[in-house]
Amino acid sequence: MTIALPKGKLLIDSIQMLSRIGIECSHVNEESRKLFYDLPDSNIKIIICRATDIPTFVEYGAADLGVVGKDTLLEDNKDVAELLDLKFGYCRFVVAMPEASVPPKLPNGTYDLSGLNHQRVATKFPRVAETFFSELGMQVHPIKLHGNIELAPCVGLAEMIVDIVSTGKTLRENHLVEVAPILEATSRLIANRVAYRMKYERIRVLVDLFRKELQIDETAK
């Protein structure tokens, strides 16, 4: 069985989770250039990918399972089976604007977003942004960027941004204000749909081990 894990912080969390359910993978090193690991004791292969590529590896069967953020799943909309919320890698999708141009607040305390109709929004997640505003009966003009999203309103590229945040520190440092929450996201265990049928018993054993470990964590809290 092949499992695709994401580079970066989620790799550390993923390795720790696998170790806790008895899969020895301590030699999987995030600082190494090695992208493929064989775990013969568990009959598992680990591949290390960019987080945004993992749904593609899983969809096309290059990996049977993968760990990926819900944010990536929502944006890419790949044909994979979402099996489990792994509870780590928490972040939030938000709409944010410059302090000087935040809209007025409504009586219920939320910001009035109606004035943002047909405005430009800079984001790594155009699908998420369009879906959110469409559900409010609004249209926006997404401008896709791959980084430095917070810069866009400062230089007049867009009136607002849609981005993921954890603490909100980067927004504050760039004088941006969160004007609307969109949704919360955590890491998910996903499966190739064919592999899920063909290797069902083995995958279910892993999923049950993950579930048991997550219940232990919840009890500890």
N, C-alpha and C. Protein backbone atom coordinates (compact mmCIF):
# COMPACT_ATOMS: atom_id res chain seq x y z
N MET A 1 0.84 -1.19 0.00
CA MET A 1 0.00 0.00 0.00
C MET A 1 0.89 1.25 0.00
N THR A 2 0.51 2.23 -0.78
CA THR A 2 1.28 3.47 -0.89
C THR A 2 0.49 4.63 -0.28
N ILE A 3 1.15 5.38 0.59
CA ILE A 3 0.53 6.53 1.25
C ILE A 3 1.30 7.78 0.87
N ALA A 4 0.61 8.81 0.38
CA ALA A 4 1.22 10.08 0.02
C ALA A 4 1.09 11.05 1.20
N LEU A 5 2.23 11.60 1.62
CA LEU A 5 2.26 12.56 2.73
C LEU A 5 2.74 13.91 2.22
N PRO A 6 2.24 14.99 2.81
CA PRO A 6 2.61 16.33 2.34
C PRO A 6 3.91 16.81 2.96
N LYS A 7 4.65 17.59 2.19
CA LYS A 7 5.84 18.25 2.72
C LYS A 7 5.44 19.29 3.77
N GLY A 8 6.42 19.69 4.60
CA GLY A 8 6.19 20.78 5.54
C GLY A 8 5.65 20.31 6.88
N LYS A 9 4.95 21.23 7.57
CA LYS A 9 4.47 20.96 8.93
C LYS A 9 3.55 19.75 8.98
N LEU A 10 2.72 19.56 7.97
CA LEU A 10 1.80 18.42 7.99
C LEU A 10 2.54 17.09 7.91
N LEU A 11 3.75 17.10 7.35
CA LEU A 11 4.52 15.86 7.31
C LEU A 11 4.89 15.42 8.71
N ILE A 12 5.31 16.35 9.55
CA ILE A 12 5.66 16.02 10.94
C ILE A 12 4.45 15.45 11.67
N ASP A 13 3.31 16.11 11.53
CA ASP A 13 2.09 15.62 12.19
C ASP A 13 1.68 14.25 11.66
N SER A 14 1.84 14.04 10.35
CA SER A 14 1.47 12.77 9.73
C SER A 14 2.36 11.64 10.23
N ILE A 15 3.66 11.89 10.30
CA ILE A 15 4.60 10.88 10.78
C ILE A 15 4.29 10.51 12.23
N GLN A 16 4.01 11.52 13.04
CA GLN A 16 3.68 11.27 14.44
C GLN A 16 2.41 10.42 14.56
N MET A 17 1.42 10.73 13.74
CA MET A 17 0.17 9.97 13.77
C MET A 17 0.41 8.51 13.35
N LEU A 18 1.17 8.31 12.29
CA LEU A 18 1.46 6.94 11.84
C LEU A 18 2.24 6.17 12.90
N SER A 19 3.19 6.85 13.54
CA SER A 19 3.98 6.19 14.59
C SER A 19 3.10 5.76 15.75
N ARG A 20 2.12 6.59 16.10
CA ARG A 20 1.25 6.28 17.24
C ARG A 20 0.34 5.08 16.97
N ILE A 21 0.09 4.78 15.70
CA ILE A 21 -0.75 3.60 15.41
C ILE A 21 0.11 2.38 15.06
N GLY A 22 1.44 2.48 15.32
CA GLY A 22 2.30 1.32 15.18
C GLY A 22 3.04 1.18 13.87
N ILE A 23 3.02 2.20 13.03
CA ILE A 23 3.76 2.16 11.77
C ILE A 23 5.08 2.90 11.97
N GLU A 24 6.17 2.16 12.00
CA GLU A 24 7.48 2.74 12.26
C GLU A 24 7.97 3.51 11.04
N CYS A 25 8.04 4.83 11.18
CA CYS A 25 8.48 5.66 10.05
C CYS A 25 9.34 6.82 10.54
N SER A 26 10.05 6.60 11.64
CA SER A 26 10.86 7.67 12.23
C SER A 26 11.98 8.11 11.30
N HIS A 27 12.37 7.25 10.34
CA HIS A 27 13.44 7.63 9.42
C HIS A 27 12.94 8.50 8.26
N VAL A 28 11.62 8.72 8.18
CA VAL A 28 11.09 9.63 7.17
C VAL A 28 11.41 11.04 7.63
N ASN A 29 12.23 11.74 6.88
CA ASN A 29 12.82 13.00 7.32
C ASN A 29 12.35 14.15 6.43
N GLU A 30 11.75 15.16 7.04
CA GLU A 30 11.24 16.28 6.25
C GLU A 30 12.37 17.11 5.64
N GLU A 31 13.57 17.04 6.21
CA GLU A 31 14.69 17.83 5.70
C GLU A 31 15.46 17.09 4.61
N SER A 32 15.15 15.84 4.40
CA SER A 32 15.84 15.05 3.37
C SER A 32 15.26 15.37 1.99
N ARG A 33 16.08 15.16 0.97
CA ARG A 33 15.60 15.31 -0.40
C ARG A 33 14.94 14.02 -0.90
N LYS A 34 14.99 13.00 -0.08
CA LYS A 34 14.40 11.72 -0.46
C LYS A 34 12.88 11.83 -0.47
N LEU A 35 12.25 11.32 -1.52
CA LEU A 35 10.81 11.46 -1.68
C LEU A 35 10.07 10.13 -1.64
N PHE A 36 10.81 9.03 -1.47
CA PHE A 36 10.20 7.70 -1.49
C PHE A 36 10.82 6.85 -0.39
N TYR A 37 9.98 6.27 0.45
CA TYR A 37 10.46 5.44 1.56
C TYR A 37 9.71 4.10 1.54
N ASP A 38 10.46 3.02 1.72
CA ASP A 38 9.88 1.69 1.82
C ASP A 38 9.86 1.27 3.28
N LEU A 39 8.68 0.87 3.77
CA LEU A 39 8.55 0.40 5.15
C LEU A 39 8.21 -1.08 5.11
N PRO A 40 9.20 -1.96 4.94
CA PRO A 40 8.93 -3.39 4.73
C PRO A 40 8.23 -4.05 5.92
N ASP A 41 8.50 -3.58 7.13
CA ASP A 41 7.86 -4.18 8.30
C ASP A 41 6.34 -4.01 8.27
N SER A 42 5.89 -2.92 7.66
CA SER A 42 4.45 -2.63 7.58
C SER A 42 3.87 -2.90 6.19
N ASN A 43 4.75 -3.29 5.24
CA ASN A 43 4.33 -3.48 3.85
C ASN A 43 3.66 -2.21 3.32
N ILE A 44 4.30 -1.08 3.61
CA ILE A 44 3.79 0.22 3.20
C ILE A 44 4.91 1.00 2.53
N LYS A 45 4.55 1.75 1.49
CA LYS A 45 5.47 2.69 0.87
C LYS A 45 4.96 4.11 1.14
N ILE A 46 5.89 5.00 1.46
CA ILE A 46 5.55 6.41 1.70
C ILE A 46 6.14 7.24 0.58
N ILE A 47 5.33 8.11 -0.02
CA ILE A 47 5.86 9.08 -0.97
C ILE A 47 5.58 10.48 -0.42
N ILE A 48 6.54 11.38 -0.63
CA ILE A 48 6.44 12.75 -0.13
C ILE A 48 6.17 13.68 -1.30
N CYS A 49 5.07 14.44 -1.22
CA CYS A 49 4.64 15.30 -2.33
C CYS A 49 4.34 16.70 -1.83
N ARG A 50 4.25 17.62 -2.77
CA ARG A 50 3.66 18.92 -2.43
C ARG A 50 2.22 18.69 -2.01
N ALA A 51 1.78 19.41 -0.99
CA ALA A 51 0.42 19.22 -0.48
C ALA A 51 -0.63 19.37 -1.57
N THR A 52 -0.43 20.34 -2.46
CA THR A 52 -1.42 20.60 -3.50
C THR A 52 -1.46 19.50 -4.56
N ASP A 53 -0.43 18.66 -4.61
CA ASP A 53 -0.39 17.58 -5.61
C ASP A 53 -0.96 16.27 -5.09
N ILE A 54 -1.12 16.14 -3.80
CA ILE A 54 -1.53 14.86 -3.23
C ILE A 54 -2.88 14.38 -3.77
N PRO A 55 -3.91 15.22 -3.88
CA PRO A 55 -5.17 14.70 -4.45
C PRO A 55 -5.00 14.13 -5.86
N THR A 56 -4.08 14.70 -6.65
CA THR A 56 -3.84 14.19 -8.00
C THR A 56 -3.17 12.82 -7.95
N PHE A 57 -2.15 12.66 -7.10
CA PHE A 57 -1.50 11.35 -6.95
C PHE A 57 -2.52 10.29 -6.53
N VAL A 58 -3.42 10.66 -5.63
CA VAL A 58 -4.41 9.70 -5.13
C VAL A 58 -5.48 9.44 -6.18
N GLU A 59 -5.98 10.47 -6.82
CA GLU A 59 -7.03 10.29 -7.83
C GLU A 59 -6.60 9.34 -8.93
N TYR A 60 -5.35 9.45 -9.37
CA TYR A 60 -4.89 8.64 -10.50
C TYR A 60 -4.24 7.33 -10.06
N GLY A 61 -4.27 7.03 -8.76
CA GLY A 61 -3.84 5.73 -8.29
C GLY A 61 -2.35 5.58 -8.05
N ALA A 62 -1.58 6.68 -8.14
CA ALA A 62 -0.16 6.61 -7.81
C ALA A 62 0.03 6.40 -6.32
N ALA A 63 -0.98 6.77 -5.55
CA ALA A 63 -1.01 6.49 -4.11
C ALA A 63 -2.39 5.96 -3.77
N ASP A 64 -2.43 4.99 -2.85
CA ASP A 64 -3.72 4.45 -2.41
C ASP A 64 -4.40 5.39 -1.43
N LEU A 65 -3.59 5.97 -0.53
CA LEU A 65 -4.08 6.88 0.50
C LEU A 65 -3.26 8.15 0.49
N GLY A 66 -3.81 9.21 1.06
CA GLY A 66 -3.07 10.46 1.17
C GLY A 66 -3.56 11.27 2.35
N VAL A 67 -2.68 12.13 2.84
CA VAL A 67 -3.04 13.08 3.89
C VAL A 67 -2.98 14.47 3.27
N VAL A 68 -4.08 15.21 3.37
CA VAL A 68 -4.14 16.52 2.71
C VAL A 68 -5.11 17.42 3.45
N GLY A 69 -4.87 18.72 3.39
CA GLY A 69 -5.75 19.68 4.04
C GLY A 69 -7.10 19.77 3.34
N LYS A 70 -8.14 19.99 4.12
CA LYS A 70 -9.47 20.16 3.55
C LYS A 70 -9.52 21.34 2.59
N ASP A 71 -8.68 22.35 2.84
CA ASP A 71 -8.63 23.51 1.95
C ASP A 71 -8.25 23.08 0.54
N THR A 72 -7.27 22.20 0.41
CA THR A 72 -6.85 21.72 -0.90
C THR A 72 -7.94 20.88 -1.55
N LEU A 73 -8.62 20.06 -0.76
CA LEU A 73 -9.71 19.24 -1.31
C LEU A 73 -10.83 20.11 -1.87
N LEU A 74 -11.18 21.15 -1.15
CA LEU A 74 -12.27 22.01 -1.59
C LEU A 74 -11.91 22.76 -2.87
N GLU A 75 -10.66 23.20 -2.94
CA GLU A 75 -10.26 23.98 -4.11
C GLU A 75 -10.08 23.10 -5.34
N ASP A 76 -9.47 21.93 -5.18
CA ASP A 76 -9.16 21.08 -6.33
C ASP A 76 -10.34 20.24 -6.80
N ASN A 77 -11.22 19.85 -5.84
CA ASN A 77 -12.42 19.08 -6.19
C ASN A 77 -12.08 17.81 -6.96
N LYS A 78 -11.04 17.10 -6.52
CA LYS A 78 -10.65 15.86 -7.19
C LYS A 78 -11.60 14.71 -6.82
N ASP A 79 -11.60 13.70 -7.66
CA ASP A 79 -12.48 12.54 -7.45
C ASP A 79 -11.78 11.53 -6.55
N VAL A 80 -11.80 11.80 -5.25
CA VAL A 80 -11.20 10.91 -4.25
C VAL A 80 -12.22 10.67 -3.15
N ALA A 81 -11.98 9.64 -2.36
CA ALA A 81 -12.85 9.33 -1.23
C ALA A 81 -12.25 9.96 0.03
N GLU A 82 -13.02 10.80 0.69
CA GLU A 82 -12.58 11.41 1.95
C GLU A 82 -13.00 10.49 3.09
N LEU A 83 -12.02 9.94 3.81
CA LEU A 83 -12.30 8.89 4.79
C LEU A 83 -12.40 9.39 6.22
N LEU A 84 -11.56 10.37 6.59
CA LEU A 84 -11.45 10.69 8.01
C LEU A 84 -10.86 12.08 8.22
N ASP A 85 -11.41 12.79 9.21
CA ASP A 85 -10.83 14.04 9.69
C ASP A 85 -9.74 13.69 10.69
N LEU A 86 -8.49 14.04 10.38
CA LEU A 86 -7.36 13.69 11.23
C LEU A 86 -7.11 14.70 12.36
N LYS A 87 -7.83 15.80 12.35
CA LYS A 87 -7.86 16.76 13.47
C LYS A 87 -6.62 17.64 13.60
N PHE A 88 -5.60 17.45 12.76
CA PHE A 88 -4.45 18.34 12.88
C PHE A 88 -4.36 19.24 11.64
N GLY A 89 -3.46 20.23 11.68
CA GLY A 89 -3.32 21.16 10.57
C GLY A 89 -4.46 22.15 10.48
N TYR A 90 -4.97 22.58 11.64
CA TYR A 90 -6.15 23.47 11.67
C TYR A 90 -5.84 24.83 11.03
N CYS A 91 -6.77 25.31 10.23
CA CYS A 91 -6.71 26.66 9.68
C CYS A 91 -8.13 27.12 9.36
N ARG A 92 -8.26 28.39 9.02
CA ARG A 92 -9.57 28.95 8.69
C ARG A 92 -9.50 29.71 7.37
N PHE A 93 -10.54 29.59 6.55
CA PHE A 93 -10.72 30.45 5.40
C PHE A 93 -11.42 31.72 5.85
N VAL A 94 -10.90 32.88 5.46
CA VAL A 94 -11.54 34.14 5.81
C VAL A 94 -11.51 35.11 4.63
N VAL A 95 -12.41 36.09 4.69
CA VAL A 95 -12.34 37.25 3.82
C VAL A 95 -11.71 38.37 4.64
N ALA A 96 -10.72 39.05 4.07
CA ALA A 96 -10.07 40.14 4.79
C ALA A 96 -9.90 41.34 3.88
N MET A 97 -9.89 42.54 4.50
CA MET A 97 -9.78 43.80 3.76
C MET A 97 -8.86 44.76 4.51
N PRO A 98 -8.36 45.79 3.84
CA PRO A 98 -7.56 46.80 4.53
C PRO A 98 -8.37 47.50 5.62
N GLU A 99 -7.69 47.86 6.69
CA GLU A 99 -8.36 48.53 7.82
C GLU A 99 -9.15 49.75 7.36
N ALA A 100 -8.62 50.48 6.39
CA ALA A 100 -9.25 51.74 5.97
C ALA A 100 -10.51 51.55 5.16
N SER A 101 -10.78 50.33 4.69
CA SER A 101 -11.94 50.14 3.81
C SER A 101 -12.90 49.06 4.29
N VAL A 102 -12.84 48.71 5.56
CA VAL A 102 -13.77 47.69 6.05
C VAL A 102 -15.20 48.21 5.95
N PRO A 103 -16.15 47.35 5.60
CA PRO A 103 -17.55 47.77 5.47
C PRO A 103 -18.18 48.00 6.84
N PRO A 104 -19.30 48.70 6.87
CA PRO A 104 -19.99 48.92 8.15
C PRO A 104 -20.54 47.61 8.70
N LYS A 105 -20.83 47.62 9.98
CA LYS A 105 -21.39 46.43 10.61
C LYS A 105 -22.91 46.49 10.61
N LEU A 106 -23.52 45.32 10.52
CA LEU A 106 -24.97 45.17 10.60
C LEU A 106 -25.39 45.11 12.07
N PRO A 107 -26.69 45.24 12.36
CA PRO A 107 -27.15 45.16 13.76
C PRO A 107 -26.74 43.87 14.48
N ASN A 108 -26.55 42.79 13.73
CA ASN A 108 -26.17 41.52 14.37
C ASN A 108 -24.68 41.42 14.65
N GLY A 109 -23.94 42.48 14.32
CA GLY A 109 -22.51 42.51 14.62
C GLY A 109 -21.60 42.03 13.51
N THR A 110 -22.17 41.47 12.44
CA THR A 110 -21.36 41.03 11.31
C THR A 110 -21.16 42.19 10.34
N TYR A 111 -20.14 42.07 9.50
CA TYR A 111 -19.90 43.11 8.51
C TYR A 111 -20.87 42.98 7.34
N ASP A 112 -21.28 44.13 6.82
CA ASP A 112 -22.17 44.17 5.66
C ASP A 112 -21.33 43.97 4.40
N LEU A 113 -21.45 42.82 3.78
CA LEU A 113 -20.63 42.49 2.61
C LEU A 113 -21.28 42.90 1.29
N SER A 114 -22.47 43.48 1.33
CA SER A 114 -23.19 43.75 0.09
C SER A 114 -22.43 44.69 -0.84
N GLY A 115 -21.64 45.58 -0.28
CA GLY A 115 -20.88 46.51 -1.11
C GLY A 115 -19.71 45.87 -1.83
N LEU A 116 -19.45 44.59 -1.57
CA LEU A 116 -18.34 43.90 -2.20
C LEU A 116 -18.75 43.18 -3.48
N ASN A 117 -20.02 43.29 -3.85
CA ASN A 117 -20.49 42.65 -5.07
C ASN A 117 -19.70 43.17 -6.28
N HIS A 118 -19.26 42.25 -7.13
CA HIS A 118 -18.51 42.56 -8.36
C HIS A 118 -17.12 43.15 -8.08
N GLN A 119 -16.62 42.99 -6.87
CA GLN A 119 -15.29 43.48 -6.55
C GLN A 119 -14.24 42.39 -6.83
N ARG A 120 -12.98 42.80 -6.81
CA ARG A 120 -11.89 41.86 -7.07
C ARG A 120 -11.40 41.25 -5.75
N VAL A 121 -11.11 39.95 -5.82
CA VAL A 121 -10.61 39.25 -4.64
C VAL A 121 -9.36 38.46 -5.02
N ALA A 122 -8.27 38.75 -4.34
CA ALA A 122 -7.02 38.03 -4.56
C ALA A 122 -7.00 36.79 -3.68
N THR A 123 -6.60 35.65 -4.24
CA THR A 123 -6.68 34.42 -3.47
C THR A 123 -5.90 33.29 -4.13
N LYS A 124 -5.49 32.32 -3.33
CA LYS A 124 -4.98 31.05 -3.85
C LYS A 124 -6.13 30.10 -4.13
N PHE A 125 -7.34 30.49 -3.68
CA PHE A 125 -8.48 29.56 -3.69
C PHE A 125 -9.68 30.19 -4.41
N PRO A 126 -9.58 30.40 -5.74
CA PRO A 126 -10.69 31.05 -6.45
C PRO A 126 -12.00 30.28 -6.38
N ARG A 127 -11.93 28.97 -6.38
CA ARG A 127 -13.17 28.17 -6.31
C ARG A 127 -13.86 28.37 -4.98
N VAL A 128 -13.10 28.35 -3.90
CA VAL A 128 -13.67 28.57 -2.57
C VAL A 128 -14.27 29.97 -2.47
N ALA A 129 -13.55 30.97 -2.98
CA ALA A 129 -14.02 32.35 -2.92
C ALA A 129 -15.32 32.52 -3.71
N GLU A 130 -15.35 32.01 -4.93
CA GLU A 130 -16.56 32.16 -5.75
C GLU A 130 -17.74 31.44 -5.13
N THR A 131 -17.51 30.26 -4.58
CA THR A 131 -18.60 29.50 -3.95
C THR A 131 -19.17 30.26 -2.76
N PHE A 132 -18.29 30.82 -1.93
CA PHE A 132 -18.75 31.55 -0.75
C PHE A 132 -19.63 32.73 -1.14
N PHE A 133 -19.16 33.55 -2.05
CA PHE A 133 -19.93 34.74 -2.42
C PHE A 133 -21.17 34.37 -3.22
N SER A 134 -21.10 33.30 -4.02
CA SER A 134 -22.28 32.86 -4.77
C SER A 134 -23.40 32.45 -3.82
N GLU A 135 -23.03 31.80 -2.71
CA GLU A 135 -24.04 31.40 -1.73
C GLU A 135 -24.68 32.61 -1.05
N LEU A 136 -24.01 33.77 -1.11
CA LEU A 136 -24.58 35.02 -0.59
C LEU A 136 -25.35 35.77 -1.67
N GLY A 137 -25.42 35.18 -2.87
CA GLY A 137 -26.10 35.83 -3.98
C GLY A 137 -25.26 36.92 -4.62
N MET A 138 -23.93 36.80 -4.52
CA MET A 138 -23.04 37.84 -5.02
C MET A 138 -22.05 37.24 -6.02
N GLN A 139 -21.51 38.12 -6.85
CA GLN A 139 -20.46 37.73 -7.78
C GLN A 139 -19.20 38.52 -7.46
N VAL A 140 -18.06 37.86 -7.57
CA VAL A 140 -16.78 38.54 -7.39
C VAL A 140 -15.87 38.16 -8.56
N HIS A 141 -14.77 38.87 -8.66
CA HIS A 141 -13.80 38.61 -9.73
C HIS A 141 -12.51 38.10 -9.09
N PRO A 142 -12.32 36.79 -9.01
CA PRO A 142 -11.12 36.25 -8.37
C PRO A 142 -9.86 36.52 -9.20
N ILE A 143 -8.80 36.85 -8.52
CA ILE A 143 -7.48 36.97 -9.13
C ILE A 143 -6.60 35.95 -8.43
N LYS A 144 -6.19 34.92 -9.15
CA LYS A 144 -5.42 33.86 -8.51
C LYS A 144 -3.96 34.26 -8.36
N LEU A 145 -3.46 34.15 -7.13
CA LEU A 145 -2.06 34.36 -6.82
C LEU A 145 -1.53 33.10 -6.15
N HIS A 146 -0.21 32.93 -6.16
CA HIS A 146 0.40 31.75 -5.55
C HIS A 146 1.13 32.08 -4.25
N GLY A 147 1.14 33.33 -3.87
CA GLY A 147 1.79 33.72 -2.62
C GLY A 147 1.66 35.21 -2.41
N ASN A 148 2.03 35.66 -1.19
CA ASN A 148 1.97 37.09 -0.85
C ASN A 148 0.59 37.68 -1.12
N ILE A 149 -0.44 36.94 -0.75
CA ILE A 149 -1.82 37.37 -1.00
C ILE A 149 -2.10 38.71 -0.32
N GLU A 150 -1.52 38.90 0.87
CA GLU A 150 -1.80 40.11 1.66
C GLU A 150 -1.35 41.38 0.96
N LEU A 151 -0.43 41.24 0.00
CA LEU A 151 0.07 42.42 -0.71
C LEU A 151 -0.96 43.01 -1.67
N ALA A 152 -1.86 42.18 -2.19
CA ALA A 152 -2.76 42.61 -3.27
C ALA A 152 -3.59 43.85 -2.93
N PRO A 153 -4.26 43.93 -1.77
CA PRO A 153 -5.03 45.15 -1.48
C PRO A 153 -4.14 46.37 -1.26
N CYS A 154 -2.93 46.16 -0.80
CA CYS A 154 -2.04 47.29 -0.50
C CYS A 154 -1.58 48.01 -1.76
N VAL A 155 -1.52 47.28 -2.87
CA VAL A 155 -1.05 47.89 -4.13
C VAL A 155 -2.18 48.09 -5.13
N GLY A 156 -3.42 47.88 -4.71
CA GLY A 156 -4.56 48.13 -5.58
C GLY A 156 -4.90 47.03 -6.55
N LEU A 157 -4.32 45.85 -6.37
CA LEU A 157 -4.63 44.73 -7.26
C LEU A 157 -6.03 44.19 -7.01
N ALA A 158 -6.47 44.24 -5.75
CA ALA A 158 -7.80 43.71 -5.39
C ALA A 158 -8.32 44.49 -4.19
N GLU A 159 -9.64 44.46 -4.04
CA GLU A 159 -10.25 45.15 -2.89
C GLU A 159 -10.19 44.31 -1.62
N MET A 160 -10.04 43.00 -1.78
CA MET A 160 -10.07 42.10 -0.61
C MET A 160 -9.29 40.85 -0.95
N ILE A 161 -9.13 39.99 0.06
CA ILE A 161 -8.49 38.71 -0.16
C ILE A 161 -9.34 37.62 0.47
N VAL A 162 -9.19 36.41 -0.03
CA VAL A 162 -9.68 35.20 0.64
C VAL A 162 -8.46 34.33 0.84
N ASP A 163 -8.19 34.00 2.09
CA ASP A 163 -6.99 33.23 2.39
C ASP A 163 -7.23 32.36 3.61
N ILE A 164 -6.27 31.46 3.88
CA ILE A 164 -6.34 30.66 5.09
C ILE A 164 -5.45 31.29 6.15
N VAL A 165 -5.91 31.27 7.38
CA VAL A 165 -5.16 31.83 8.50
C VAL A 165 -5.19 30.83 9.64
N SER A 166 -4.22 30.94 10.51
CA SER A 166 -4.24 30.13 11.74
C SER A 166 -4.40 31.05 12.94
N THR A 167 -3.45 31.97 13.12
CA THR A 167 -3.53 32.91 14.26
C THR A 167 -4.04 34.28 13.84
N GLY A 168 -3.93 34.63 12.55
CA GLY A 168 -4.31 35.96 12.10
C GLY A 168 -3.19 36.98 12.20
N LYS A 169 -2.01 36.55 12.65
CA LYS A 169 -0.89 37.48 12.85
C LYS A 169 -0.47 38.15 11.55
N THR A 170 -0.40 37.38 10.46
CA THR A 170 0.03 37.95 9.18
C THR A 170 -0.95 39.01 8.70
N LEU A 171 -2.25 38.79 8.91
CA LEU A 171 -3.23 39.81 8.55
C LEU A 171 -2.97 41.09 9.31
N ARG A 172 -2.80 40.98 10.61
CA ARG A 172 -2.59 42.18 11.44
C ARG A 172 -1.32 42.92 11.05
N GLU A 173 -0.27 42.18 10.76
CA GLU A 173 0.99 42.82 10.39
C GLU A 173 0.89 43.58 9.07
N ASN A 174 -0.07 43.21 8.24
CA ASN A 174 -0.28 43.88 6.96
C ASN A 174 -1.51 44.77 6.96
N HIS A 175 -1.98 45.10 8.17
CA HIS A 175 -3.11 46.04 8.35
C HIS A 175 -4.37 45.59 7.62
N LEU A 176 -4.62 44.31 7.70
CA LEU A 176 -5.83 43.74 7.14
C LEU A 176 -6.74 43.26 8.27
N VAL A 177 -8.05 43.35 8.02
CA VAL A 177 -9.04 42.99 9.02
C VAL A 177 -9.92 41.86 8.47
N GLU A 178 -10.13 40.84 9.26
CA GLU A 178 -11.04 39.77 8.87
C GLU A 178 -12.47 40.30 8.92
N VAL A 179 -13.17 40.24 7.78
CA VAL A 179 -14.54 40.76 7.73
C VAL A 179 -15.58 39.65 7.62
N ALA A 180 -15.15 38.43 7.33
CA ALA A 180 -16.11 37.32 7.28
C ALA A 180 -15.37 35.99 7.37
N PRO A 181 -15.83 35.11 8.25
CA PRO A 181 -15.31 33.74 8.24
C PRO A 181 -15.97 32.96 7.11
N ILE A 182 -15.26 32.03 6.51
CA ILE A 182 -15.84 31.19 5.46
C ILE A 182 -16.04 29.77 5.99
N LEU A 183 -14.95 29.12 6.39
CA LEU A 183 -15.06 27.78 6.97
C LEU A 183 -13.75 27.42 7.65
N GLU A 184 -13.82 26.36 8.46
CA GLU A 184 -12.64 25.84 9.13
C GLU A 184 -12.16 24.60 8.39
N ALA A 185 -10.85 24.36 8.44
CA ALA A 185 -10.29 23.22 7.71
C ALA A 185 -9.24 22.53 8.55
N THR A 186 -9.19 21.20 8.42
CA THR A 186 -8.16 20.37 9.05
C THR A 186 -7.69 19.35 8.02
N SER A 187 -6.71 18.56 8.41
CA SER A 187 -6.19 17.54 7.49
C SER A 187 -7.13 16.35 7.40
N ARG A 188 -7.19 15.76 6.22
CA ARG A 188 -8.08 14.62 5.98
C ARG A 188 -7.29 13.45 5.40
N LEU A 189 -7.77 12.25 5.70
CA LEU A 189 -7.25 11.04 5.08
C LEU A 189 -8.13 10.75 3.87
N ILE A 190 -7.52 10.65 2.71
CA ILE A 190 -8.27 10.40 1.48
C ILE A 190 -7.78 9.10 0.84
N ALA A 191 -8.61 8.55 -0.03
CA ALA A 191 -8.27 7.29 -0.70
C ALA A 191 -8.62 7.35 -2.17
N ASN A 192 -7.85 6.63 -2.96
CA ASN A 192 -8.21 6.37 -4.34
C ASN A 192 -9.46 5.49 -4.34
N ARG A 193 -10.43 5.82 -5.16
CA ARG A 193 -11.72 5.11 -5.09
C ARG A 193 -11.59 3.64 -5.48
N VAL A 194 -10.76 3.33 -6.47
CA VAL A 194 -10.57 1.93 -6.86
C VAL A 194 -9.83 1.18 -5.76
N ALA A 195 -8.77 1.79 -5.23
CA ALA A 195 -8.01 1.14 -4.16
C ALA A 195 -8.89 0.90 -2.94
N TYR A 196 -9.80 1.82 -2.67
CA TYR A 196 -10.68 1.65 -1.51
C TYR A 196 -11.55 0.42 -1.64
N ARG A 197 -11.93 0.08 -2.87
CA ARG A 197 -12.72 -1.14 -3.08
C ARG A 197 -11.83 -2.37 -3.08
N MET A 198 -10.70 -2.30 -3.78
CA MET A 198 -9.84 -3.47 -3.96
C MET A 198 -9.06 -3.81 -2.68
N LYS A 199 -8.74 -2.81 -1.88
CA LYS A 199 -7.95 -3.03 -0.67
C LYS A 199 -8.75 -2.63 0.57
N TYR A 200 -10.05 -2.85 0.48
CA TYR A 200 -10.96 -2.35 1.51
C TYR A 200 -10.57 -2.81 2.91
N GLU A 201 -10.32 -4.12 3.07
CA GLU A 201 -10.07 -4.64 4.42
C GLU A 201 -8.85 -3.99 5.05
N ARG A 202 -7.79 -3.88 4.28
CA ARG A 202 -6.57 -3.30 4.83
C ARG A 202 -6.74 -1.81 5.13
N ILE A 203 -7.41 -1.10 4.25
CA ILE A 203 -7.63 0.32 4.48
C ILE A 203 -8.51 0.53 5.70
N ARG A 204 -9.53 -0.31 5.86
CA ARG A 204 -10.42 -0.16 7.02
C ARG A 204 -9.68 -0.41 8.32
N VAL A 205 -8.73 -1.35 8.32
CA VAL A 205 -7.92 -1.58 9.52
C VAL A 205 -7.16 -0.31 9.89
N LEU A 206 -6.55 0.34 8.91
CA LEU A 206 -5.82 1.58 9.18
C LEU A 206 -6.75 2.68 9.66
N VAL A 207 -7.90 2.80 9.01
CA VAL A 207 -8.86 3.84 9.41
C VAL A 207 -9.32 3.60 10.85
N ASP A 208 -9.59 2.35 11.20
CA ASP A 208 -10.02 2.04 12.57
C ASP A 208 -8.93 2.37 13.59
N LEU A 209 -7.66 2.14 13.23
CA LEU A 209 -6.56 2.50 14.12
C LEU A 209 -6.48 4.02 14.29
N PHE A 210 -6.65 4.74 13.19
CA PHE A 210 -6.68 6.21 13.28
C PHE A 210 -7.82 6.67 14.17
N ARG A 211 -9.00 6.09 13.96
CA ARG A 211 -10.16 6.49 14.77
C ARG A 211 -9.91 6.26 16.25
N LYS A 212 -9.35 5.11 16.58
CA LYS A 212 -9.06 4.80 17.98
C LYS A 212 -8.08 5.81 18.56
N GLU A 213 -7.04 6.13 17.82
CA GLU A 213 -6.05 7.11 18.31
C GLU A 213 -6.67 8.49 18.48
N LEU A 214 -7.53 8.89 17.57
CA LEU A 214 -8.18 10.21 17.66
C LEU A 214 -9.13 10.26 18.85
N GLN A 215 -9.80 9.17 19.16
CA GLN A 215 -10.67 9.12 20.33
C GLN A 215 -9.86 9.25 21.62
N ILE A 216 -8.67 8.66 21.63
CA ILE A 216 -7.78 8.79 22.79
C ILE A 216 -7.39 10.24 22.97
N ASP A 217 -7.04 10.92 21.84
CA ASP A 217 -6.67 12.32 21.92
C ASP A 217 -7.82 13.17 22.44
N GLU A 218 -9.05 12.88 21.95
CA GLU A 218 -10.20 13.66 22.39
C GLU A 218 -10.43 13.46 23.89
N THR A 219 -10.26 12.23 24.38
CA THR A 219 -10.46 11.97 25.81
C THR A 219 -9.43 12.73 26.62
N ALA A 220 -8.19 12.80 26.10
CA ALA A 220 -7.13 13.49 26.83
C ALA A 220 -7.42 14.97 26.97
N LYS A 221 -8.14 15.53 26.02
CA LYS A 221 -8.48 16.94 26.09
C LYS A 221 -9.54 17.21 27.17
